[in-house]
Amino acid sequence: MLCTTAQSPTEALNSAPAELLEKIPCRAFDAELFFAESPDDVEYAKSLCQNCPIRSACLAGALE
């Protein structure tokens, strides 16, 4: 895995190789989707995050 929970999502993005950045859903979709209030939009955003290579770091940052 690229990052540990000690890394923030920003640190993980800054240290990620360019080819990995292409696989990060929040870089390919409108960022507002990931802060959605509609239950359907929330579920869609969560489905996009399932295979994200920096998911652990992102979740850790969100929980902080």
PDB file of N, CA and C in Angstrom:
ATOM      1  N   MET A   1       0.846  -1.187   0.000  1.00  0.00           N
ATOM      2  CA  MET A   1       0.000   0.000   0.000  1.00  0.00           C
ATOM      3  C   MET A   1       0.886   1.244   0.000  1.00  0.00           C
ATOM      4  N   LEU A   2       0.411   2.268  -0.625  1.00  0.00           N
ATOM      5  CA  LEU A   2       1.181   3.500  -0.790  1.00  0.00           C
ATOM      6  C   LEU A   2       1.417   4.225   0.527  1.00  0.00           C
ATOM      7  N   CYS A   3       0.423   4.304   1.394  1.00  0.00           N
ATOM      8  CA  CYS A   3       0.534   5.169   2.549  1.00  0.00           C
ATOM      9  C   CYS A   3       0.086   4.467   3.819  1.00  0.00           C
ATOM     10  N   THR A   4       0.453   5.073   4.894  1.00  0.00           N
ATOM     11  CA  THR A   4       0.049   4.570   6.195  1.00  0.00           C
ATOM     12  C   THR A   4      -0.922   5.551   6.805  1.00  0.00           C
ATOM     13  N   THR A   5      -1.529   5.175   7.899  1.00  0.00           N
ATOM     14  CA  THR A   5      -2.470   6.084   8.538  1.00  0.00           C
ATOM     15  C   THR A   5      -1.763   7.292   9.136  1.00  0.00           C
ATOM     16  N   ALA A   6      -0.425   7.252   9.209  1.00  0.00           N
ATOM     17  CA  ALA A   6       0.316   8.407   9.707  1.00  0.00           C
ATOM     18  C   ALA A   6       0.329   9.537   8.687  1.00  0.00           C
ATOM     19  N   GLN A   7       0.038   9.227   7.439  1.00  0.00           N
ATOM     20  CA  GLN A   7       0.003  10.240   6.393  1.00  0.00           C
ATOM     21  C   GLN A   7      -1.385  10.832   6.277  1.00  0.00           C
ATOM     22  N   SER A   8      -1.423  12.129   6.045  1.00  0.00           N
ATOM     23  CA  SER A   8      -2.704  12.759   5.753  1.00  0.00           C
ATOM     24  C   SER A   8      -3.012  12.512   4.284  1.00  0.00           C
ATOM     25  N   PRO A   9      -4.276  12.697   3.878  1.00  0.00           N
ATOM     26  CA  PRO A   9      -4.581  12.553   2.452  1.00  0.00           C
ATOM     27  C   PRO A   9      -3.746  13.488   1.589  1.00  0.00           C
ATOM     28  N   THR A  10      -3.499  14.688   2.073  1.00  0.00           N
ATOM     29  CA  THR A  10      -2.687  15.640   1.309  1.00  0.00           C
ATOM     30  C   THR A  10      -1.259  15.136   1.157  1.00  0.00           C
ATOM     31  N   GLU A  11      -0.683  14.618   2.231  1.00  0.00           N
ATOM     32  CA  GLU A  11       0.672  14.070   2.159  1.00  0.00           C
ATOM     33  C   GLU A  11       0.725  12.877   1.207  1.00  0.00           C
ATOM     34  N   ALA A  12      -0.301  12.037   1.276  1.00  0.00           N
ATOM     35  CA  ALA A  12      -0.350  10.875   0.393  1.00  0.00           C
ATOM     36  C   ALA A  12      -0.428  11.315  -1.069  1.00  0.00           C
ATOM     37  N   LEU A  13      -1.241  12.323  -1.357  1.00  0.00           N
ATOM     38  CA  LEU A  13      -1.346  12.823  -2.730  1.00  0.00           C
ATOM     39  C   LEU A  13      -0.038  13.448  -3.187  1.00  0.00           C
ATOM     40  N   ASN A  14       0.596  14.204  -2.319  1.00  0.00           N
ATOM     41  CA  ASN A  14       1.840  14.881  -2.689  1.00  0.00           C
ATOM     42  C   ASN A  14       2.974  13.903  -2.953  1.00  0.00           C
ATOM     43  N   SER A  15       2.941  12.743  -2.305  1.00  0.00           N
ATOM     44  CA  SER A  15       4.016  11.779  -2.485  1.00  0.00           C
ATOM     45  C   SER A  15       3.682  10.698  -3.515  1.00  0.00           C
ATOM     46  N   ALA A  16       2.494  10.754  -4.078  1.00  0.00           N
ATOM     47  CA  ALA A  16       2.053   9.725  -5.016  1.00  0.00           C
ATOM     48  C   ALA A  16       2.648   9.953  -6.405  1.00  0.00           C
ATOM     49  N   PRO A  17       3.048   8.864  -7.054  1.00  0.00           N
ATOM     50  CA  PRO A  17       3.510   8.994  -8.444  1.00  0.00           C
ATOM     51  C   PRO A  17       2.355   9.393  -9.371  1.00  0.00           C
ATOM     52  N   ALA A  18       2.681  10.021 -10.470  1.00  0.00           N
ATOM     53  CA  ALA A  18       1.664  10.542 -11.398  1.00  0.00           C
ATOM     54  C   ALA A  18       0.706   9.458 -11.881  1.00  0.00           C
ATOM     55  N   GLU A  19       1.204   8.261 -12.176  1.00  0.00           N
ATOM     56  CA  GLU A  19       0.319   7.204 -12.673  1.00  0.00           C
ATOM     57  C   GLU A  19      -0.680   6.758 -11.609  1.00  0.00           C
ATOM     58  N   LEU A  20      -0.328   6.913 -10.348  1.00  0.00           N
ATOM     59  CA  LEU A  20      -1.249   6.575  -9.268  1.00  0.00           C
ATOM     60  C   LEU A  20      -2.334   7.642  -9.124  1.00  0.00           C
ATOM     61  N   LEU A  21      -1.966   8.887  -9.329  1.00  0.00           N
ATOM     62  CA  LEU A  21      -2.931   9.982  -9.217  1.00  0.00           C
ATOM     63  C   LEU A  21      -4.095   9.812 -10.182  1.00  0.00           C
ATOM     64  N   GLU A  22      -3.838   9.183 -11.319  1.00  0.00           N
ATOM     65  CA  GLU A  22      -4.904   8.948 -12.294  1.00  0.00           C
ATOM     66  C   GLU A  22      -5.944   7.958 -11.778  1.00  0.00           C
ATOM     67  N   LYS A  23      -5.598   7.178 -10.764  1.00  0.00           N
ATOM     68  CA  LYS A  23      -6.494   6.151 -10.222  1.00  0.00           C
ATOM     69  C   LYS A  23      -7.259   6.621  -8.989  1.00  0.00           C
ATOM     70  N   ILE A  24      -7.058   7.846  -8.570  1.00  0.00           N
ATOM     71  CA  ILE A  24      -7.703   8.366  -7.372  1.00  0.00           C
ATOM     72  C   ILE A  24      -9.019   9.038  -7.773  1.00  0.00           C
ATOM     73  N   PRO A  25     -10.144   8.448  -7.352  1.00  0.00           N
ATOM     74  CA  PRO A  25     -11.460   8.938  -7.806  1.00  0.00           C
ATOM     75  C   PRO A  25     -11.722  10.415  -7.528  1.00  0.00           C
ATOM     76  N   CYS A  26     -11.301  10.915  -6.401  1.00  0.00           N
ATOM     77  CA  CYS A  26     -11.611  12.303  -6.079  1.00  0.00           C
ATOM     78  C   CYS A  26     -10.881  13.286  -6.990  1.00  0.00           C
ATOM     79  N   ARG A  27      -9.910  12.802  -7.736  1.00  0.00           N
ATOM     80  CA  ARG A  27      -9.223  13.651  -8.711  1.00  0.00           C
ATOM     81  C   ARG A  27      -9.953  13.659 -10.049  1.00  0.00           C
ATOM     82  N   ALA A  28     -10.780  12.649 -10.292  1.00  0.00           N
ATOM     83  CA  ALA A  28     -11.453  12.512 -11.583  1.00  0.00           C
ATOM     84  C   ALA A  28     -12.895  13.011 -11.563  1.00  0.00           C
ATOM     85  N   PHE A  29     -13.472  13.161 -10.379  1.00  0.00           N
ATOM     86  CA  PHE A  29     -14.865  13.578 -10.254  1.00  0.00           C
ATOM     87  C   PHE A  29     -14.945  14.916  -9.542  1.00  0.00           C
ATOM     88  N   ASP A  30     -16.093  15.555  -9.635  1.00  0.00           N
ATOM     89  CA  ASP A  30     -16.335  16.808  -8.943  1.00  0.00           C
ATOM     90  C   ASP A  30     -16.189  16.582  -7.436  1.00  0.00           C
ATOM     91  N   ALA A  31     -15.368  17.364  -6.785  1.00  0.00           N
ATOM     92  CA  ALA A  31     -15.110  17.203  -5.350  1.00  0.00           C
ATOM     93  C   ALA A  31     -16.379  17.320  -4.510  1.00  0.00           C
ATOM     94  N   GLU A  32     -17.360  18.056  -4.986  1.00  0.00           N
ATOM     95  CA  GLU A  32     -18.616  18.214  -4.244  1.00  0.00           C
ATOM     96  C   GLU A  32     -19.307  16.864  -4.018  1.00  0.00           C
ATOM     97  N   LEU A  33     -19.098  15.928  -4.923  1.00  0.00           N
ATOM     98  CA  LEU A  33     -19.698  14.604  -4.780  1.00  0.00           C
ATOM     99  C   LEU A  33     -19.266  13.943  -3.480  1.00  0.00           C
ATOM    100  N   PHE A  34     -18.041  14.185  -3.055  1.00  0.00           N
ATOM    101  CA  PHE A  34     -17.495  13.537  -1.872  1.00  0.00           C
ATOM    102  C   PHE A  34     -17.898  14.242  -0.571  1.00  0.00           C
ATOM    103  N   PHE A  35     -18.694  15.278  -0.699  1.00  0.00           N
ATOM    104  CA  PHE A  35     -19.260  15.983   0.458  1.00  0.00           C
ATOM    105  C   PHE A  35     -20.777  16.084   0.296  1.00  0.00           C
ATOM    106  N   ALA A  36     -21.340  15.131  -0.399  1.00  0.00           N
ATOM    107  CA  ALA A  36     -22.766  15.135  -0.736  1.00  0.00           C
ATOM    108  C   ALA A  36     -23.643  14.940   0.496  1.00  0.00           C
ATOM    109  N   GLU A  37     -24.855  15.417   0.405  1.00  0.00           N
ATOM    110  CA  GLU A  37     -25.837  15.224   1.473  1.00  0.00           C
ATOM    111  C   GLU A  37     -26.913  14.229   1.064  1.00  0.00           C
ATOM    112  N   SER A  38     -27.147  14.071  -0.211  1.00  0.00           N
ATOM    113  CA  SER A  38     -28.130  13.121  -0.706  1.00  0.00           C
ATOM    114  C   SER A  38     -27.646  11.695  -0.431  1.00  0.00           C
ATOM    115  N   PRO A  39     -28.479  10.847   0.157  1.00  0.00           N
ATOM    116  CA  PRO A  39     -28.062   9.464   0.431  1.00  0.00           C
ATOM    117  C   PRO A  39     -27.576   8.727  -0.822  1.00  0.00           C
ATOM    118  N   ASP A  40     -28.228   8.942  -1.953  1.00  0.00           N
ATOM    119  CA  ASP A  40     -27.790   8.282  -3.186  1.00  0.00           C
ATOM    120  C   ASP A  40     -26.402   8.757  -3.608  1.00  0.00           C
ATOM    121  N   ASP A  41     -26.154  10.057  -3.495  1.00  0.00           N
ATOM    122  CA  ASP A  41     -24.841  10.600  -3.849  1.00  0.00           C
ATOM    123  C   ASP A  41     -23.762  10.117  -2.884  1.00  0.00           C
ATOM    124  N   VAL A  42     -24.094  10.029  -1.612  1.00  0.00           N
ATOM    125  CA  VAL A  42     -23.137   9.531  -0.611  1.00  0.00           C
ATOM    126  C   VAL A  42     -22.748   8.092  -0.949  1.00  0.00           C
ATOM    127  N   GLU A  43     -23.724   7.265  -1.260  1.00  0.00           N
ATOM    128  CA  GLU A  43     -23.444   5.867  -1.594  1.00  0.00           C
ATOM    129  C   GLU A  43     -22.614   5.758  -2.873  1.00  0.00           C
ATOM    130  N   TYR A  44     -22.892   6.615  -3.844  1.00  0.00           N
ATOM    131  CA  TYR A  44     -22.115   6.613  -5.086  1.00  0.00           C
ATOM    132  C   TYR A  44     -20.665   7.004  -4.795  1.00  0.00           C
ATOM    133  N   ALA A  45     -20.463   8.039  -4.010  1.00  0.00           N
ATOM    134  CA  ALA A  45     -19.111   8.473  -3.665  1.00  0.00           C
ATOM    135  C   ALA A  45     -18.370   7.365  -2.924  1.00  0.00           C
ATOM    136  N   LYS A  46     -19.049   6.710  -1.981  1.00  0.00           N
ATOM    137  CA  LYS A  46     -18.422   5.614  -1.240  1.00  0.00           C
ATOM    138  C   LYS A  46     -18.033   4.472  -2.174  1.00  0.00           C
ATOM    139  N   SER A  47     -18.856   4.211  -3.175  1.00  0.00           N
ATOM    140  CA  SER A  47     -18.534   3.129  -4.115  1.00  0.00           C
ATOM    141  C   SER A  47     -17.293   3.469  -4.935  1.00  0.00           C
ATOM    142  N   LEU A  48     -17.098   4.737  -5.242  1.00  0.00           N
ATOM    143  CA  LEU A  48     -15.916   5.158  -5.990  1.00  0.00           C
ATOM    144  C   LEU A  48     -14.645   5.017  -5.153  1.00  0.00           C
ATOM    145  N   CYS A  49     -14.783   5.175  -3.844  1.00  0.00           N
ATOM    146  CA  CYS A  49     -13.629   5.132  -2.952  1.00  0.00           C
ATOM    147  C   CYS A  49     -13.172   3.708  -2.621  1.00  0.00           C
ATOM    148  N   GLN A  50     -14.002   2.713  -2.881  1.00  0.00           N
ATOM    149  CA  GLN A  50     -13.689   1.347  -2.460  1.00  0.00           C
ATOM    150  C   GLN A  50     -12.331   0.848  -2.914  1.00  0.00           C
ATOM    151  N   ASN A  51     -11.913   1.152  -4.105  1.00  0.00           N
ATOM    152  CA  ASN A  51     -10.642   0.650  -4.622  1.00  0.00           C
ATOM    153  C   ASN A  51      -9.564   1.723  -4.707  1.00  0.00           C
ATOM    154  N   CYS A  52      -9.777   2.838  -4.027  1.00  0.00           N
ATOM    155  CA  CYS A  52      -8.813   3.935  -4.068  1.00  0.00           C
ATOM    156  C   CYS A  52      -7.529   3.539  -3.337  1.00  0.00           C
ATOM    157  N   PRO A  53      -6.374   3.793  -3.949  1.00  0.00           N
ATOM    158  CA  PRO A  53      -5.108   3.407  -3.322  1.00  0.00           C
ATOM    159  C   PRO A  53      -4.740   4.227  -2.081  1.00  0.00           C
ATOM    160  N   ILE A  54      -5.386   5.365  -1.861  1.00  0.00           N
ATOM    161  CA  ILE A  54      -5.080   6.130  -0.646  1.00  0.00           C
ATOM    162  C   ILE A  54      -6.276   6.165   0.308  1.00  0.00           C
ATOM    163  N   ARG A  55      -7.161   5.208   0.169  1.00  0.00           N
ATOM    164  CA  ARG A  55      -8.386   5.158   0.974  1.00  0.00           C
ATOM    165  C   ARG A  55      -8.092   5.197   2.473  1.00  0.00           C
ATOM    166  N   SER A  56      -7.110   4.447   2.945  1.00  0.00           N
ATOM    167  CA  SER A  56      -6.808   4.397   4.377  1.00  0.00           C
ATOM    168  C   SER A  56      -6.390   5.758   4.908  1.00  0.00           C
ATOM    169  N   ALA A  57      -5.528   6.434   4.173  1.00  0.00           N
ATOM    170  CA  ALA A  57      -5.076   7.756   4.605  1.00  0.00           C
ATOM    171  C   ALA A  57      -6.218   8.760   4.578  1.00  0.00           C
ATOM    172  N   CYS A  58      -7.051   8.664   3.586  1.00  0.00           N
ATOM    173  CA  CYS A  58      -8.186   9.576   3.462  1.00  0.00           C
ATOM    174  C   CYS A  58      -9.155   9.375   4.620  1.00  0.00           C
ATOM    175  N   LEU A  59      -9.461   8.119   4.930  1.00  0.00           N
ATOM    176  CA  LEU A  59     -10.361   7.832   6.029  1.00  0.00           C
ATOM    177  C   LEU A  59      -9.783   8.316   7.355  1.00  0.00           C
ATOM    178  N   ALA A  60      -8.495   8.099   7.563  1.00  0.00           N
ATOM    179  CA  ALA A  60      -7.844   8.559   8.789  1.00  0.00           C
ATOM    180  C   ALA A  60      -7.959  10.082   8.912  1.00  0.00           C
ATOM    181  N   GLY A  61      -7.742  10.775   7.795  1.00  0.00           N
ATOM    182  CA  GLY A  61      -7.860  12.233   7.816  1.00  0.00           C
ATOM    183  C   GLY A  61      -9.272  12.692   8.090  1.00  0.00           C
ATOM    184  N   ALA A  62     -10.238  11.981   7.543  1.00  0.00           N
ATOM    185  CA  ALA A  62     -11.648  12.340   7.764  1.00  0.00           C
ATOM    186  C   ALA A  62     -12.040  12.120   9.219  1.00  0.00           C
ATOM    187  N   LEU A  63     -11.522  11.084   9.831  1.00  0.00           N
ATOM    188  CA  LEU A  63     -11.856  10.788  11.223  1.00  0.00           C
ATOM    189  C   LEU A  63     -11.204  11.753  12.210  1.00  0.00           C
ATOM    190  N   GLU A  64     -10.078  12.334  11.817  1.00  0.00           N
ATOM    191  CA  GLU A  64      -9.420  13.322  12.676  1.00  0.00           C
ATOM    192  C   GLU A  64     -10.273  14.544  12.755  1.00  0.00           C
TER     193      GLU A  64
END
